[in-house]
Amino acid sequence: MGCNCGGRKAVTHQVTRPDGTTKSYGTAAEAKAAATASGGSYERIEH
């Protein structure tokens, strides 16, 4: 079988809440809205 990776990286949008817990989201918009609502911080992670 051939490789279908194409060089693209997977992206995760993660919110770290003030209590130290984290949650991942599929889109930046969802993560940024959750970060604003919870007072947490947003981070884009490529892997």
PDB file of N, CA and C in Angstrom:
ATOM      1  N   MET A   1       0.836  -1.188   0.000  1.00  0.00           N
ATOM      2  CA  MET A   1       0.000   0.000   0.000  1.00  0.00           C
ATOM      3  C   MET A   1       0.874   1.242   0.000  1.00  0.00           C
ATOM      4  N   GLY A   2       0.402   2.263  -0.685  1.00  0.00           N
ATOM      5  CA  GLY A   2       1.130   3.524  -0.711  1.00  0.00           C
ATOM      6  C   GLY A   2       0.809   4.388   0.494  1.00  0.00           C
ATOM      7  N   CYS A   3       1.678   5.318   0.742  1.00  0.00           N
ATOM      8  CA  CYS A   3       1.492   6.244   1.865  1.00  0.00           C
ATOM      9  C   CYS A   3       0.486   7.319   1.467  1.00  0.00           C
ATOM     10  N   ASN A   4      -0.461   7.596   2.338  1.00  0.00           N
ATOM     11  CA  ASN A   4      -1.433   8.651   2.057  1.00  0.00           C
ATOM     12  C   ASN A   4      -1.316   9.795   3.069  1.00  0.00           C
ATOM     13  N   CYS A   5      -0.136   9.926   3.680  1.00  0.00           N
ATOM     14  CA  CYS A   5       0.027  10.930   4.734  1.00  0.00           C
ATOM     15  C   CYS A   5       0.062  12.343   4.173  1.00  0.00           C
ATOM     16  N   GLY A   6       0.639  12.544   3.006  1.00  0.00           N
ATOM     17  CA  GLY A   6       0.609  13.842   2.360  1.00  0.00           C
ATOM     18  C   GLY A   6       1.345  14.952   3.090  1.00  0.00           C
ATOM     19  N   GLY A   7       2.001  14.653   4.180  1.00  0.00           N
ATOM     20  CA  GLY A   7       2.751  15.668   4.897  1.00  0.00           C
ATOM     21  C   GLY A   7       1.931  16.592   5.770  1.00  0.00           C
ATOM     22  N   ARG A   8       0.643  16.404   5.808  1.00  0.00           N
ATOM     23  CA  ARG A   8      -0.203  17.267   6.641  1.00  0.00           C
ATOM     24  C   ARG A   8      -0.095  16.861   8.097  1.00  0.00           C
ATOM     25  N   LYS A   9      -0.137  17.857   8.962  1.00  0.00           N
ATOM     26  CA  LYS A   9      -0.110  17.591  10.397  1.00  0.00           C
ATOM     27  C   LYS A   9      -1.523  17.660  10.950  1.00  0.00           C
ATOM     28  N   ALA A  10      -1.781  16.834  11.941  1.00  0.00           N
ATOM     29  CA  ALA A  10      -3.065  16.896  12.633  1.00  0.00           C
ATOM     30  C   ALA A  10      -3.030  18.091  13.580  1.00  0.00           C
ATOM     31  N   VAL A  11      -4.147  18.799  13.692  1.00  0.00           N
ATOM     32  CA  VAL A  11      -4.220  19.973  14.563  1.00  0.00           C
ATOM     33  C   VAL A  11      -5.283  19.737  15.623  1.00  0.00           C
ATOM     34  N   THR A  12      -4.921  20.007  16.861  1.00  0.00           N
ATOM     35  CA  THR A  12      -5.845  19.944  17.984  1.00  0.00           C
ATOM     36  C   THR A  12      -5.928  21.325  18.597  1.00  0.00           C
ATOM     37  N   HIS A  13      -7.129  21.744  18.953  1.00  0.00           N
ATOM     38  CA  HIS A  13      -7.335  23.031  19.615  1.00  0.00           C
ATOM     39  C   HIS A  13      -7.660  22.726  21.068  1.00  0.00           C
ATOM     40  N   GLN A  14      -6.817  23.185  21.959  1.00  0.00           N
ATOM     41  CA  GLN A  14      -6.933  22.805  23.368  1.00  0.00           C
ATOM     42  C   GLN A  14      -7.148  24.022  24.259  1.00  0.00           C
ATOM     43  N   VAL A  15      -8.029  23.857  25.239  1.00  0.00           N
ATOM     44  CA  VAL A  15      -8.288  24.897  26.234  1.00  0.00           C
ATOM     45  C   VAL A  15      -7.819  24.389  27.591  1.00  0.00           C
ATOM     46  N   THR A  16      -7.049  25.217  28.270  1.00  0.00           N
ATOM     47  CA  THR A  16      -6.640  24.925  29.640  1.00  0.00           C
ATOM     48  C   THR A  16      -7.452  25.828  30.550  1.00  0.00           C
ATOM     49  N   ARG A  17      -8.237  25.215  31.410  1.00  0.00           N
ATOM     50  CA  ARG A  17      -9.114  25.967  32.310  1.00  0.00           C
ATOM     51  C   ARG A  17      -8.342  26.436  33.544  1.00  0.00           C
ATOM     52  N   PRO A  18      -8.871  27.428  34.257  1.00  0.00           N
ATOM     53  CA  PRO A  18      -8.186  27.940  35.449  1.00  0.00           C
ATOM     54  C   PRO A  18      -7.908  26.877  36.516  1.00  0.00           C
ATOM     55  N   ASP A  19      -8.717  25.814  36.563  1.00  0.00           N
ATOM     56  CA  ASP A  19      -8.488  24.763  37.567  1.00  0.00           C
ATOM     57  C   ASP A  19      -7.432  23.739  37.122  1.00  0.00           C
ATOM     58  N   GLY A  20      -6.835  23.959  35.942  1.00  0.00           N
ATOM     59  CA  GLY A  20      -5.764  23.096  35.464  1.00  0.00           C
ATOM     60  C   GLY A  20      -6.197  21.980  34.537  1.00  0.00           C
ATOM     61  N   THR A  21      -7.498  21.764  34.375  1.00  0.00           N
ATOM     62  CA  THR A  21      -7.978  20.725  33.469  1.00  0.00           C
ATOM     63  C   THR A  21      -7.889  21.214  32.030  1.00  0.00           C
ATOM     64  N   THR A  22      -7.813  20.269  31.093  1.00  0.00           N
ATOM     65  CA  THR A  22      -7.749  20.620  29.679  1.00  0.00           C
ATOM     66  C   THR A  22      -8.855  19.912  28.918  1.00  0.00           C
ATOM     67  N   LYS A  23      -9.245  20.510  27.795  1.00  0.00           N
ATOM     68  CA  LYS A  23     -10.232  19.896  26.914  1.00  0.00           C
ATOM     69  C   LYS A  23      -9.847  20.230  25.482  1.00  0.00           C
ATOM     70  N   SER A  24      -9.981  19.251  24.604  1.00  0.00           N
ATOM     71  CA  SER A  24      -9.652  19.431  23.197  1.00  0.00           C
ATOM     72  C   SER A  24     -10.920  19.659  22.384  1.00  0.00           C
ATOM     73  N   TYR A  25     -10.786  20.469  21.336  1.00  0.00           N
ATOM     74  CA  TYR A  25     -11.902  20.799  20.453  1.00  0.00           C
ATOM     75  C   TYR A  25     -11.476  20.591  19.005  1.00  0.00           C
ATOM     76  N   GLY A  26     -12.450  20.390  18.143  1.00  0.00           N
ATOM     77  CA  GLY A  26     -12.178  20.159  16.731  1.00  0.00           C
ATOM     78  C   GLY A  26     -11.904  21.407  15.932  1.00  0.00           C
ATOM     79  N   THR A  27     -12.422  22.545  16.390  1.00  0.00           N
ATOM     80  CA  THR A  27     -12.213  23.788  15.656  1.00  0.00           C
ATOM     81  C   THR A  27     -11.685  24.875  16.581  1.00  0.00           C
ATOM     82  N   ALA A  28     -10.996  25.835  15.983  1.00  0.00           N
ATOM     83  CA  ALA A  28     -10.462  26.958  16.745  1.00  0.00           C
ATOM     84  C   ALA A  28     -11.594  27.802  17.323  1.00  0.00           C
ATOM     85  N   ALA A  29     -12.672  27.969  16.568  1.00  0.00           N
ATOM     86  CA  ALA A  29     -13.788  28.793  17.035  1.00  0.00           C
ATOM     87  C   ALA A  29     -14.404  28.229  18.310  1.00  0.00           C
ATOM     88  N   GLU A  30     -14.615  26.921  18.345  1.00  0.00           N
ATOM     89  CA  GLU A  30     -15.164  26.281  19.551  1.00  0.00           C
ATOM     90  C   GLU A  30     -14.225  26.461  20.738  1.00  0.00           C
ATOM     91  N   ALA A  31     -12.942  26.236  20.504  1.00  0.00           N
ATOM     92  CA  ALA A  31     -11.962  26.323  21.584  1.00  0.00           C
ATOM     93  C   ALA A  31     -11.842  27.746  22.110  1.00  0.00           C
ATOM     94  N   LYS A  32     -11.808  28.716  21.217  1.00  0.00           N
ATOM     95  CA  LYS A  32     -11.689  30.117  21.651  1.00  0.00           C
ATOM     96  C   LYS A  32     -12.922  30.556  22.427  1.00  0.00           C
ATOM     97  N   ALA A  33     -14.102  30.117  21.999  1.00  0.00           N
ATOM     98  CA  ALA A  33     -15.333  30.448  22.723  1.00  0.00           C
ATOM     99  C   ALA A  33     -15.319  29.823  24.115  1.00  0.00           C
ATOM    100  N   ALA A  34     -14.870  28.580  24.218  1.00  0.00           N
ATOM    101  CA  ALA A  34     -14.804  27.904  25.511  1.00  0.00           C
ATOM    102  C   ALA A  34     -13.772  28.565  26.423  1.00  0.00           C
ATOM    103  N   ALA A  35     -12.654  28.991  25.858  1.00  0.00           N
ATOM    104  CA  ALA A  35     -11.618  29.659  26.650  1.00  0.00           C
ATOM    105  C   ALA A  35     -12.135  30.982  27.202  1.00  0.00           C
ATOM    106  N   THR A  36     -12.859  31.718  26.380  1.00  0.00           N
ATOM    107  CA  THR A  36     -13.421  32.993  26.820  1.00  0.00           C
ATOM    108  C   THR A  36     -14.462  32.773  27.908  1.00  0.00           C
ATOM    109  N   ALA A  37     -15.326  31.793  27.725  1.00  0.00           N
ATOM    110  CA  ALA A  37     -16.393  31.523  28.691  1.00  0.00           C
ATOM    111  C   ALA A  37     -15.857  31.033  30.034  1.00  0.00           C
ATOM    112  N   SER A  38     -14.760  30.270  30.002  1.00  0.00           N
ATOM    113  CA  SER A  38     -14.250  29.687  31.246  1.00  0.00           C
ATOM    114  C   SER A  38     -13.133  30.503  31.887  1.00  0.00           C
ATOM    115  N   GLY A  39     -12.639  31.505  31.166  1.00  0.00           N
ATOM    116  CA  GLY A  39     -11.517  32.273  31.686  1.00  0.00           C
ATOM    117  C   GLY A  39     -10.196  31.546  31.517  1.00  0.00           C
ATOM    118  N   GLY A  40     -10.182  30.553  30.636  1.00  0.00           N
ATOM    119  CA  GLY A  40      -8.981  29.750  30.417  1.00  0.00           C
ATOM    120  C   GLY A  40      -8.148  30.278  29.271  1.00  0.00           C
ATOM    121  N   SER A  41      -7.185  29.470  28.837  1.00  0.00           N
ATOM    122  CA  SER A  41      -6.313  29.865  27.736  1.00  0.00           C
ATOM    123  C   SER A  41      -6.442  28.866  26.584  1.00  0.00           C
ATOM    124  N   TYR A  42      -6.248  29.386  25.371  1.00  0.00           N
ATOM    125  CA  TYR A  42      -6.375  28.599  24.147  1.00  0.00           C
ATOM    126  C   TYR A  42      -4.987  28.303  23.591  1.00  0.00           C
ATOM    127  N   GLU A  43      -4.818  27.083  23.060  1.00  0.00           N
ATOM    128  CA  GLU A  43      -3.552  26.715  22.436  1.00  0.00           C
ATOM    129  C   GLU A  43      -3.824  25.831  21.230  1.00  0.00           C
ATOM    130  N   ARG A  44      -3.158  26.136  20.116  1.00  0.00           N
ATOM    131  CA  ARG A  44      -3.233  25.299  18.914  1.00  0.00           C
ATOM    132  C   ARG A  44      -2.042  24.351  18.954  1.00  0.00           C
ATOM    133  N   ILE A  45      -2.308  23.055  18.808  1.00  0.00           N
ATOM    134  CA  ILE A  45      -1.251  22.055  18.894  1.00  0.00           C
ATOM    135  C   ILE A  45      -1.207  21.273  17.587  1.00  0.00           C
ATOM    136  N   GLU A  46      -0.037  21.270  16.941  1.00  0.00           N
ATOM    137  CA  GLU A  46       0.161  20.480  15.723  1.00  0.00           C
ATOM    138  C   GLU A  46       0.962  19.241  16.076  1.00  0.00           C
ATOM    139  N   HIS A  47       0.501  18.097  15.585  1.00  0.00           N
ATOM    140  CA  HIS A  47       1.231  16.849  15.846  1.00  0.00           C
ATOM    141  C   HIS A  47       1.097  15.908  14.697  1.00  0.00           C
TER     142      HIS A  47
END
